[in-house]
N, C-alpha and C. Protein backbone atom coordinates (compact mmCIF):
# COMPACT_ATOMS: atom_id res chain seq x y z
N MET A 1 -3.99 9.79 -26.56
CA MET A 1 -3.66 9.55 -24.76
C MET A 1 -2.73 8.18 -24.60
N TYR A 2 -1.65 8.34 -23.85
CA TYR A 2 -0.72 7.56 -23.12
C TYR A 2 -1.37 6.25 -22.41
N ALA A 3 -1.25 5.22 -22.20
CA ALA A 3 -2.10 4.45 -21.56
C ALA A 3 -1.13 4.05 -20.40
N ARG A 4 -0.19 4.31 -20.36
CA ARG A 4 0.72 4.40 -19.17
C ARG A 4 1.81 5.13 -19.53
N ASP A 5 1.96 5.90 -18.38
CA ASP A 5 2.83 7.25 -18.43
C ASP A 5 4.24 6.62 -17.37
N HIS A 6 5.63 6.89 -16.85
CA HIS A 6 5.93 7.30 -15.58
C HIS A 6 7.01 8.32 -15.77
N ALA A 7 7.78 8.21 -14.41
CA ALA A 7 8.59 9.62 -14.66
C ALA A 7 9.79 8.93 -13.93
N LEU A 8 10.73 9.30 -13.85
CA LEU A 8 11.98 8.72 -12.84
C LEU A 8 12.71 10.39 -12.63
N ILE A 9 12.70 10.48 -10.70
CA ILE A 9 13.39 11.78 -10.44
C ILE A 9 14.20 11.51 -9.47
N ALA A 10 15.42 12.67 -9.58
CA ALA A 10 16.34 12.63 -8.62
C ALA A 10 15.42 13.02 -7.40
N THR A 11 16.10 12.69 -6.27
CA THR A 11 15.66 12.91 -5.01
C THR A 11 16.55 13.19 -3.99
N PRO A 12 16.69 13.44 -2.32
CA PRO A 12 17.58 13.06 -1.57
C PRO A 12 17.49 11.98 -1.24
N ILE A 13 16.20 11.27 -1.14
CA ILE A 13 16.16 9.73 -0.61
C ILE A 13 16.59 8.80 -1.65
N GLY A 14 17.11 9.18 -2.93
CA GLY A 14 17.18 8.41 -4.03
C GLY A 14 16.19 8.52 -5.15
N PRO A 15 16.84 7.78 -6.48
CA PRO A 15 15.18 7.91 -7.71
C PRO A 15 14.16 7.66 -6.99
N ILE A 16 13.21 8.33 -7.99
CA ILE A 16 11.72 7.73 -7.29
C ILE A 16 10.96 7.64 -8.86
N ARG A 17 10.14 7.14 -8.93
CA ARG A 17 9.64 6.10 -9.85
C ARG A 17 7.80 6.71 -9.91
N ILE A 18 7.29 7.36 -10.66
CA ILE A 18 6.28 7.98 -10.54
C ILE A 18 5.17 7.45 -11.61
N GLU A 19 4.16 6.34 -11.40
CA GLU A 19 3.61 5.50 -12.76
C GLU A 19 2.19 6.73 -12.63
N GLY A 20 1.78 6.43 -13.74
CA GLY A 20 0.30 6.96 -13.88
C GLY A 20 -0.67 6.70 -15.50
N LYS A 21 -1.88 6.91 -15.70
CA LYS A 21 -2.78 6.52 -16.53
C LYS A 21 -4.01 7.37 -16.32
N GLU A 22 -4.41 7.49 -17.73
CA GLU A 22 -6.13 7.78 -17.48
C GLU A 22 -6.19 9.38 -16.41
N GLY A 23 -5.28 9.68 -16.35
CA GLY A 23 -5.67 10.93 -15.41
C GLY A 23 -5.49 10.79 -14.11
N GLN A 24 -4.91 9.25 -13.35
CA GLN A 24 -4.46 9.29 -11.84
C GLN A 24 -3.28 8.25 -11.98
N LEU A 25 -2.54 8.57 -10.71
CA LEU A 25 -1.88 8.02 -10.47
C LEU A 25 -1.64 6.58 -9.86
N GLU A 26 -0.91 5.77 -10.21
CA GLU A 26 -0.77 4.36 -10.12
C GLU A 26 -0.06 4.13 -8.82
N ARG A 27 1.07 4.69 -9.03
CA ARG A 27 2.29 4.05 -7.88
C ARG A 27 3.34 4.98 -7.70
N ILE A 28 4.12 4.81 -7.10
CA ILE A 28 4.96 5.64 -6.79
C ILE A 28 5.81 4.82 -5.79
N LEU A 29 7.42 4.90 -6.87
CA LEU A 29 8.26 3.38 -5.69
C LEU A 29 9.49 4.65 -5.67
N ILE A 30 9.83 4.35 -4.25
CA ILE A 30 11.34 5.00 -3.80
C ILE A 30 12.02 3.81 -3.64
N GLY A 31 13.66 4.24 -4.94
CA GLY A 31 14.67 3.35 -5.04
C GLY A 31 15.22 2.70 -6.38
N ALA A 32 13.80 3.55 -7.28
CA ALA A 32 14.14 2.96 -8.32
C ALA A 32 15.02 2.88 -9.43
N GLU A 33 15.10 2.63 -10.13
CA GLU A 33 16.36 2.64 -11.52
C GLU A 33 16.21 2.50 -12.97
N GLY A 34 16.91 3.55 -13.21
CA GLY A 34 16.26 3.59 -15.13
C GLY A 34 16.99 4.92 -15.32
N THR A 35 16.41 5.44 -16.30
CA THR A 35 17.10 6.74 -16.77
C THR A 35 15.84 7.81 -16.46
N PRO A 36 16.61 9.07 -15.96
CA PRO A 36 15.79 10.01 -15.57
C PRO A 36 14.64 10.50 -16.82
N THR A 37 13.38 10.70 -16.29
CA THR A 37 12.58 11.33 -16.97
C THR A 37 11.35 12.09 -16.79
N ARG A 38 11.01 13.00 -17.18
CA ARG A 38 9.39 13.90 -16.43
C ARG A 38 8.33 13.50 -16.44
N GLY A 39 8.45 12.48 -17.82
CA GLY A 39 6.89 11.59 -18.03
C GLY A 39 6.67 12.71 -19.08
N VAL A 40 5.12 12.35 -19.69
CA VAL A 40 4.74 12.91 -20.79
C VAL A 40 3.23 13.42 -20.23
N THR A 41 2.63 12.53 -19.04
CA THR A 41 0.85 13.23 -19.24
C THR A 41 0.81 14.21 -17.98
N ALA A 42 -0.29 14.83 -18.07
CA ALA A 42 -0.34 16.02 -17.32
C ALA A 42 -0.07 15.59 -15.62
N ILE A 43 -0.77 14.01 -15.21
CA ILE A 43 -0.70 13.54 -14.19
C ILE A 43 0.68 13.09 -13.13
N VAL A 44 1.59 12.88 -14.15
CA VAL A 44 2.74 12.46 -13.76
C VAL A 44 3.68 13.40 -13.84
N ARG A 45 3.29 14.58 -14.97
CA ARG A 45 4.29 15.68 -14.54
C ARG A 45 3.94 16.30 -13.36
N ALA A 46 2.74 16.40 -13.27
CA ALA A 46 2.41 17.45 -11.80
C ALA A 46 2.73 16.66 -10.91
N ALA A 47 2.68 15.18 -10.28
CA ALA A 47 3.28 14.54 -9.37
C ALA A 47 4.67 14.68 -9.35
N ALA A 48 5.81 14.62 -10.35
CA ALA A 48 7.13 14.99 -10.21
C ALA A 48 7.07 16.57 -9.82
N GLU A 49 6.63 17.43 -10.40
CA GLU A 49 6.96 18.63 -9.97
C GLU A 49 6.56 18.78 -8.16
N GLN A 50 5.66 18.31 -7.95
CA GLN A 50 5.05 18.57 -6.70
C GLN A 50 5.80 17.58 -5.55
N ILE A 51 6.23 16.13 -6.32
CA ILE A 51 7.58 15.84 -5.49
C ILE A 51 8.70 16.85 -4.86
N ASP A 52 9.03 17.42 -6.20
CA ASP A 52 10.42 18.39 -6.52
C ASP A 52 9.60 19.10 -5.14
N GLN A 53 8.91 19.76 -5.08
CA GLN A 53 8.39 21.20 -4.11
C GLN A 53 8.27 20.88 -2.67
N TRP A 54 7.82 19.27 -2.86
CA TRP A 54 7.79 18.74 -1.31
C TRP A 54 9.52 18.65 -0.45
N PHE A 55 10.44 18.50 -1.43
CA PHE A 55 11.49 17.88 -1.22
C PHE A 55 12.31 19.20 -0.89
N ALA A 56 11.84 20.27 -1.91
CA ALA A 56 12.41 21.84 -1.80
C ALA A 56 11.95 22.73 -0.62
N GLY A 57 11.20 21.92 0.22
CA GLY A 57 10.37 22.97 1.20
C GLY A 57 9.53 23.85 0.94
N GLU A 58 9.08 23.41 -0.14
CA GLU A 58 8.27 24.56 -0.57
C GLU A 58 6.51 23.90 -0.88
N ARG A 59 6.28 22.66 -0.60
CA ARG A 59 4.86 21.67 -0.58
C ARG A 59 4.71 21.43 0.99
N ARG A 60 3.58 21.00 1.44
CA ARG A 60 3.57 20.46 2.72
C ARG A 60 2.55 19.12 2.45
N GLY A 61 1.64 19.07 0.97
CA GLY A 61 0.44 18.23 1.32
C GLY A 61 0.54 18.37 -0.46
N PHE A 62 -0.16 16.90 -1.16
CA PHE A 62 -0.24 17.19 -2.27
C PHE A 62 -1.44 16.93 -2.78
N ASP A 63 -1.78 17.03 -4.41
CA ASP A 63 -3.09 17.78 -4.95
C ASP A 63 -3.26 16.80 -5.92
N LEU A 64 -3.34 15.37 -6.10
CA LEU A 64 -3.36 14.48 -7.11
C LEU A 64 -4.53 13.60 -7.10
N THR A 65 -4.73 13.31 -8.03
CA THR A 65 -5.69 12.31 -8.43
C THR A 65 -5.00 11.18 -8.18
N LEU A 66 -5.61 10.01 -7.18
CA LEU A 66 -4.68 9.05 -7.15
C LEU A 66 -5.85 7.50 -7.28
N ALA A 67 -5.20 6.58 -7.80
CA ALA A 67 -6.03 5.51 -8.14
C ALA A 67 -6.51 4.89 -6.50
N PRO A 68 -7.72 4.61 -6.91
CA PRO A 68 -9.13 4.52 -5.94
C PRO A 68 -8.18 3.12 -5.34
N PRO A 69 -8.12 2.87 -3.65
CA PRO A 69 -8.31 1.74 -2.90
C PRO A 69 -9.56 0.42 -3.77
N ALA A 70 -8.92 -0.80 -3.25
CA ALA A 70 -10.06 -1.46 -3.87
C ALA A 70 -11.35 -1.47 -2.83
N THR A 71 -11.53 -0.96 -1.64
CA THR A 71 -12.49 -0.72 -0.95
C THR A 71 -12.92 0.34 -0.47
N PRO A 72 -14.58 0.34 -0.35
CA PRO A 72 -14.67 1.87 0.32
C PRO A 72 -13.96 1.95 1.77
N ARG A 73 -13.50 0.85 2.69
CA ARG A 73 -13.04 0.85 3.67
C ARG A 73 -11.66 1.47 3.70
N GLY A 74 -10.84 0.85 2.69
CA GLY A 74 -9.71 1.23 2.35
C GLY A 74 -9.70 2.66 1.82
N ALA A 75 -10.61 3.09 1.58
CA ALA A 75 -10.56 4.44 1.12
C ALA A 75 -10.66 5.37 2.32
N ILE A 76 -11.46 4.94 3.10
CA ILE A 76 -11.07 5.81 4.96
C ILE A 76 -10.07 5.49 5.27
N LEU A 77 -9.40 5.00 5.08
CA LEU A 77 -7.86 4.46 6.30
C LEU A 77 -7.28 5.16 5.37
N ARG A 78 -7.05 5.30 4.09
CA ARG A 78 -6.19 5.79 3.47
C ARG A 78 -6.14 7.45 3.80
N ASP A 79 -7.53 7.83 3.48
CA ASP A 79 -8.13 9.34 3.55
C ASP A 79 -7.42 10.18 4.88
N GLY A 80 -7.55 8.92 6.05
CA GLY A 80 -7.44 8.92 7.66
C GLY A 80 -5.81 9.49 7.54
N LEU A 81 -4.62 8.63 6.64
CA LEU A 81 -3.56 8.84 6.75
C LEU A 81 -3.23 9.58 6.00
N ILE A 82 -3.53 10.51 5.17
CA ILE A 82 -3.45 11.19 4.47
C ILE A 82 -3.65 12.87 5.34
N ALA A 83 -4.76 12.64 5.93
CA ALA A 83 -4.93 13.50 7.22
C ALA A 83 -3.85 13.86 8.56
N VAL A 84 -2.94 13.33 8.78
CA VAL A 84 -1.70 13.01 9.38
C VAL A 84 -0.90 14.43 8.85
N PRO A 85 -1.46 15.61 9.77
CA PRO A 85 -0.38 16.70 9.16
C PRO A 85 1.06 16.78 8.93
N PHE A 86 1.32 17.23 8.17
CA PHE A 86 2.77 17.56 7.58
C PHE A 86 3.88 17.53 8.95
N GLY A 87 4.59 17.09 9.44
CA GLY A 87 5.59 17.86 10.62
C GLY A 87 5.39 16.78 12.03
N GLN A 88 4.24 16.06 11.83
CA GLN A 88 3.39 15.23 13.19
C GLN A 88 3.21 13.76 13.17
N THR A 89 3.32 13.10 13.87
CA THR A 89 3.59 11.73 13.91
C THR A 89 2.25 11.03 14.40
N ILE A 90 2.07 10.06 14.14
CA ILE A 90 0.60 9.49 15.17
C ILE A 90 1.27 7.88 15.23
N SER A 91 0.95 7.29 16.04
CA SER A 91 1.43 5.93 16.22
C SER A 91 -0.13 5.09 15.94
N TYR A 92 0.59 3.72 15.34
CA TYR A 92 -0.44 3.03 14.42
C TYR A 92 -1.80 2.79 15.44
N GLY A 93 -1.86 2.64 16.86
CA GLY A 93 -2.69 2.69 17.85
C GLY A 93 -3.73 3.59 17.70
N GLU A 94 -2.92 4.97 17.76
CA GLU A 94 -3.98 6.06 18.02
C GLU A 94 -4.76 6.36 16.74
N LEU A 95 -3.89 6.09 15.47
CA LEU A 95 -4.61 6.19 14.33
C LEU A 95 -5.85 5.17 14.21
N SER A 96 -5.85 4.00 14.48
CA SER A 96 -6.43 2.93 14.49
C SER A 96 -7.71 3.31 15.28
N ARG A 97 -7.49 3.93 16.23
CA ARG A 97 -8.33 4.45 16.82
C ARG A 97 -9.62 5.65 16.90
N ALA A 98 -8.91 6.44 15.98
CA ALA A 98 -9.77 7.39 15.06
C ALA A 98 -10.15 7.45 14.19
N LEU A 99 -9.72 6.04 13.32
CA LEU A 99 -10.67 5.60 12.45
C LEU A 99 -11.33 4.75 12.56
N GLY A 100 -11.41 3.88 13.87
CA GLY A 100 -12.11 2.64 14.17
C GLY A 100 -11.82 1.45 13.19
N SER A 101 -10.55 1.76 13.47
CA SER A 101 -9.65 -0.12 13.18
C SER A 101 -8.96 -0.56 13.76
N SER A 102 -8.03 -1.55 13.52
CA SER A 102 -6.83 -2.32 14.72
C SER A 102 -5.73 -1.57 13.90
N ALA A 103 -4.67 -1.40 14.58
CA ALA A 103 -3.50 -1.32 14.38
C ALA A 103 -2.90 -2.10 13.99
N ARG A 104 -3.21 -3.51 13.27
CA ARG A 104 -2.61 -4.14 12.63
C ARG A 104 -3.07 -3.92 11.05
N ALA A 105 -4.60 -3.34 10.88
CA ALA A 105 -4.94 -3.23 9.68
C ALA A 105 -4.17 -1.80 9.51
N ILE A 106 -3.90 -0.97 10.41
CA ILE A 106 -2.78 0.43 9.80
C ILE A 106 -1.67 0.09 9.37
N GLY A 107 -1.24 -1.29 10.13
CA GLY A 107 0.07 -1.88 9.79
C GLY A 107 0.40 -1.92 8.11
N GLN A 108 -0.77 -3.02 8.17
CA GLN A 108 -1.03 -3.86 6.57
C GLN A 108 -0.90 -2.38 5.74
N LEU A 109 -1.89 -1.25 6.02
CA LEU A 109 -2.08 0.01 5.19
C LEU A 109 -0.71 0.60 4.88
N CYS A 110 -0.33 1.06 5.59
CA CYS A 110 1.20 1.37 5.27
C CYS A 110 1.90 0.63 4.48
N ALA A 111 1.98 -0.68 4.94
CA ALA A 111 3.12 -2.00 4.28
C ALA A 111 2.66 -1.87 2.79
N ARG A 112 1.54 -1.93 2.36
CA ARG A 112 1.04 -2.13 1.08
C ARG A 112 0.92 -0.57 0.27
N ASN A 113 0.97 0.62 0.95
CA ASN A 113 0.83 1.84 0.55
C ASN A 113 1.56 2.06 -0.64
N PRO A 114 0.38 1.92 -1.99
CA PRO A 114 1.37 2.20 -3.47
C PRO A 114 2.10 3.67 -3.81
N PHE A 115 1.74 4.81 -2.67
CA PHE A 115 1.91 5.60 -2.67
C PHE A 115 3.03 6.82 -1.74
N PRO A 116 3.78 5.94 -1.66
CA PRO A 116 4.55 6.72 -0.22
C PRO A 116 5.04 8.37 -0.42
N LEU A 117 4.96 8.85 0.19
CA LEU A 117 5.08 10.55 0.76
C LEU A 117 4.17 10.83 0.07
N ILE A 118 2.92 10.81 -0.76
CA ILE A 118 1.83 11.45 -1.18
C ILE A 118 0.65 10.55 0.25
N VAL A 119 0.91 9.51 0.25
CA VAL A 119 -0.15 8.90 1.45
C VAL A 119 1.14 8.76 2.36
N PRO A 120 1.13 9.71 3.50
CA PRO A 120 2.47 9.95 4.15
C PRO A 120 2.62 8.71 5.37
N CYS A 121 2.48 7.49 4.99
CA CYS A 121 2.96 6.33 5.76
C CYS A 121 3.77 6.44 6.79
N HIS A 122 4.94 7.22 6.26
CA HIS A 122 6.52 7.60 7.62
C HIS A 122 5.89 8.33 8.50
N ARG A 123 4.67 8.96 8.59
CA ARG A 123 4.30 9.88 9.81
C ARG A 123 3.29 8.88 10.89
N VAL A 124 3.68 7.07 10.73
CA VAL A 124 3.03 6.42 11.36
C VAL A 124 3.96 5.92 12.28
N LEU A 125 3.98 5.87 13.68
CA LEU A 125 5.21 5.21 14.51
C LEU A 125 4.63 4.11 15.41
N ASN A 126 5.59 3.49 16.05
CA ASN A 126 5.22 2.46 17.09
C ASN A 126 4.60 3.12 18.24
N GLN A 127 3.88 2.38 19.12
CA GLN A 127 3.52 3.11 20.31
C GLN A 127 4.16 3.81 21.46
N GLY A 128 5.41 3.40 20.93
CA GLY A 128 6.46 4.28 21.92
C GLY A 128 7.29 4.98 21.65
N GLY A 129 7.16 5.59 20.09
CA GLY A 129 7.66 6.37 19.54
C GLY A 129 8.67 6.31 18.60
N GLY A 130 9.09 4.73 18.45
CA GLY A 130 10.10 4.07 17.53
C GLY A 130 9.87 4.34 15.98
N LEU A 131 10.29 4.11 15.21
CA LEU A 131 10.17 4.06 13.51
C LEU A 131 9.61 3.32 13.39
N GLY A 132 9.90 1.63 13.72
CA GLY A 132 9.24 1.15 13.10
C GLY A 132 9.28 0.42 11.71
N ALA A 133 8.88 -0.36 11.12
CA ALA A 133 8.96 -0.76 9.37
C ALA A 133 8.88 0.75 8.66
N TYR A 134 9.56 0.48 7.67
CA TYR A 134 8.84 1.34 6.60
C TYR A 134 9.13 0.53 5.16
N SER A 135 8.54 0.55 4.11
CA SER A 135 8.11 -0.16 2.86
C SER A 135 8.93 0.02 1.73
N ALA A 136 9.48 1.40 1.57
CA ALA A 136 9.76 2.46 0.77
C ALA A 136 11.34 2.57 1.05
N GLY A 137 11.90 2.51 0.01
CA GLY A 137 13.37 2.93 -0.34
C GLY A 137 14.03 2.07 0.74
N GLN A 138 15.26 2.73 1.66
CA GLN A 138 15.81 1.97 2.76
C GLN A 138 15.54 1.74 3.89
N GLY A 139 14.18 1.49 3.58
CA GLY A 139 13.55 0.80 4.99
C GLY A 139 13.55 2.04 6.00
N PRO A 140 13.68 1.90 7.18
CA PRO A 140 13.78 2.91 8.52
C PRO A 140 14.44 3.96 8.00
N ALA A 141 15.43 3.97 7.36
CA ALA A 141 16.56 5.09 7.28
C ALA A 141 15.86 5.81 6.29
N THR A 142 15.08 5.57 5.47
CA THR A 142 14.10 6.85 4.24
C THR A 142 13.04 7.21 5.46
N LYS A 143 12.60 6.45 6.36
CA LYS A 143 11.76 7.18 6.72
C LYS A 143 12.08 7.87 8.07
N SER A 144 13.48 7.48 8.60
CA SER A 144 13.86 8.57 9.39
C SER A 144 14.60 9.74 8.33
N TRP A 145 14.88 9.78 7.38
CA TRP A 145 15.07 11.02 6.51
C TRP A 145 13.55 12.03 6.71
N LEU A 146 12.59 11.18 5.88
CA LEU A 146 11.42 12.09 5.86
C LEU A 146 11.03 12.85 6.76
N LEU A 147 11.29 11.51 8.40
CA LEU A 147 10.69 12.74 9.54
C LEU A 147 11.46 13.93 9.66
N ASP A 148 12.92 14.07 9.45
CA ASP A 148 13.89 14.88 9.69
C ASP A 148 13.57 15.74 8.82
N HIS A 149 13.48 15.53 7.56
CA HIS A 149 13.47 16.61 6.97
C HIS A 149 11.69 17.58 7.39
N GLU A 150 10.54 16.91 7.32
CA GLU A 150 9.74 17.58 7.91
C GLU A 150 9.86 18.46 9.21
N ARG A 151 10.66 17.63 10.13
CA ARG A 151 10.78 18.78 11.44
C ARG A 151 11.85 19.74 11.02
N ARG A 152 12.35 19.51 10.29
CA ARG A 152 13.71 20.80 9.53
C ARG A 152 12.69 21.77 9.48
N LEU A 153 12.04 21.63 8.76
CA LEU A 153 10.67 22.54 7.95
C LEU A 153 9.87 23.26 8.99
N THR A 154 9.63 22.63 9.79
CA THR A 154 8.24 22.93 11.08
C THR A 154 8.89 23.37 12.24
N GLY A 155 10.52 23.22 11.99
CA GLY A 155 10.84 23.39 13.72
C GLY A 155 10.51 22.78 14.77
N ASP A 156 10.06 21.78 14.35
CA ASP A 156 9.20 20.66 15.43
C ASP A 156 10.10 19.48 15.71
N TYR A 157 11.32 19.87 16.76
CA TYR A 157 12.01 18.50 17.09
C TYR A 157 11.71 17.20 17.99
N LEU A 158 10.18 17.88 18.58
CA LEU A 158 9.88 16.93 19.60
C LEU A 158 8.81 16.49 19.24
N LEU A 159 8.38 15.77 17.94
CA LEU A 159 7.55 15.38 18.07
C LEU A 159 6.81 13.89 18.52
């Protein structure tokens, strides 16, 4: 058994590094550098395949075991973010109200998200519909590309 494994795959938003160990993903990093590789462990290879499928428009959600959040409350917030449907968006405030939290807590959840794409923080917008920040890849430009990708696939340009 490998203690830690990684893959580095090419995507339309740049290279993505997938890290995992012991049957769970540990981190996804958009904009990583290095030599492309598909990984060795089943979880890392599955993540690489599912991310490829997502970019190809063949997948709208992920079925991967993620490292658990530090707290039970963190798990509730992360699950709430995962539940935002493909091709749809929600404001920080709307998501915080739905989860009984604060907009600031949702912002921190998104900013510290170790699993961009899989935990779709790109679907959370400012109250007025503005992009807001994005901590992965090239920031708001990457967030905009991801949202446009989902809109193209759903045909819903009025999110």
